[in-house]
C-alpha atoms as a PDB file:
ATOM      1  CA  MET A   1     -23.436  -0.166   5.786  1.00  0.00           C
ATOM      2  CA  GLY A   2     -24.367   2.083   8.690  1.00  0.00           C
ATOM      3  CA  PHE A   3     -21.112   1.399  10.503  1.00  0.00           C
ATOM      4  CA  SER A   4     -19.087   2.276   7.417  1.00  0.00           C
ATOM      5  CA  GLU A   5     -20.979   5.570   6.997  1.00  0.00           C
ATOM      6  CA  CYS A   6     -20.241   6.491  10.611  1.00  0.00           C
ATOM      7  CA  LEU A   7     -16.617   5.487  10.219  1.00  0.00           C
ATOM      8  CA  ARG A   8     -16.348   7.538   7.035  1.00  0.00           C
ATOM      9  CA  SER A   9     -17.680  10.666   8.747  1.00  0.00           C
ATOM     10  CA  GLU A  10     -15.237  10.273  11.637  1.00  0.00           C
ATOM     11  CA  LEU A  11     -12.181   9.627   9.445  1.00  0.00           C
ATOM     12  CA  LYS A  12     -12.748  12.205   6.701  1.00  0.00           C
ATOM     13  CA  HIS A  13     -10.910  14.847   8.763  1.00  0.00           C
ATOM     14  CA  PHE A  14      -7.792  12.666   8.511  1.00  0.00           C
ATOM     15  CA  HIS A  15      -8.251  12.278   4.721  1.00  0.00           C
ATOM     16  CA  ILE A  16      -9.040   8.578   5.114  1.00  0.00           C
ATOM     17  CA  THR A  17     -11.791   7.163   2.933  1.00  0.00           C
ATOM     18  CA  VAL A  18     -13.995   4.168   3.645  1.00  0.00           C
ATOM     19  CA  SER A  19     -15.490   1.979   0.931  1.00  0.00           C
ATOM     20  CA  VAL A  20     -17.971  -0.867   1.148  1.00  0.00           C
ATOM     21  CA  TYR A  21     -18.293  -3.703  -1.311  1.00  0.00           C
ATOM     22  CA  CYS A  22     -21.531  -5.695  -1.263  1.00  0.00           C
ATOM     23  CA  PRO A  23     -21.167  -8.762  -3.474  1.00  0.00           C
ATOM     24  CA  PRO A  24     -24.251 -10.101  -5.248  1.00  0.00           C
ATOM     25  CA  GLU A  25     -25.962 -13.309  -4.210  1.00  0.00           C
ATOM     26  CA  VAL A  26     -23.947 -16.441  -4.810  1.00  0.00           C
ATOM     27  CA  ASP A  27     -25.705 -19.609  -5.896  1.00  0.00           C
ATOM     28  CA  THR A  28     -24.814 -22.138  -3.187  1.00  0.00           C
ATOM     29  CA  PRO A  29     -26.670 -24.979  -1.445  1.00  0.00           C
ATOM     30  CA  MET A  30     -27.057 -22.735   1.600  1.00  0.00           C
ATOM     31  CA  THR A  31     -28.938 -20.062  -0.364  1.00  0.00           C
ATOM     32  CA  ASP A  32     -31.155 -22.774  -1.862  1.00  0.00           C
ATOM     33  CA  ILE A  33     -32.306 -23.635   1.668  1.00  0.00           C
ATOM     34  CA  PHE A  34     -33.358 -20.053   2.348  1.00  0.00           C
ATOM     35  CA  VAL A  35     -35.217 -19.749  -0.937  1.00  0.00           C
ATOM     36  CA  THR A  36     -37.151 -22.994  -0.495  1.00  0.00           C
ATOM     37  CA  ALA A  37     -37.809 -22.441   3.229  1.00  0.00           C
ATOM     38  CA  SER A  38     -39.665 -19.164   2.648  1.00  0.00           C
ATOM     39  CA  PRO A  39     -43.423 -19.366   3.206  1.00  0.00           C
ATOM     40  CA  PRO A  40     -45.584 -18.858   0.138  1.00  0.00           C
ATOM     41  CA  ARG A  41     -46.574 -15.253  -0.481  1.00  0.00           C
ATOM     42  CA  GLN A  42     -50.215 -14.333  -0.260  1.00  0.00           C
ATOM     43  CA  GLY A  43     -51.772 -11.394  -2.022  1.00  0.00           C
ATOM     44  CA  LEU A  44     -53.706  -8.702  -0.235  1.00  0.00           C
ATOM     45  CA  TRP A  45     -56.764  -9.192  -2.421  1.00  0.00           C
END
């Protein structure tokens, strides 16, 4: 995102726009690994 913002500011003088598309999470076996590998959360209290 930061790179695209920098690129946008440099190219706006040439009337060139920059857009970023961030797709949502996709349910795949790889994302299941990350979800199950996370340590359990502990409360502050």
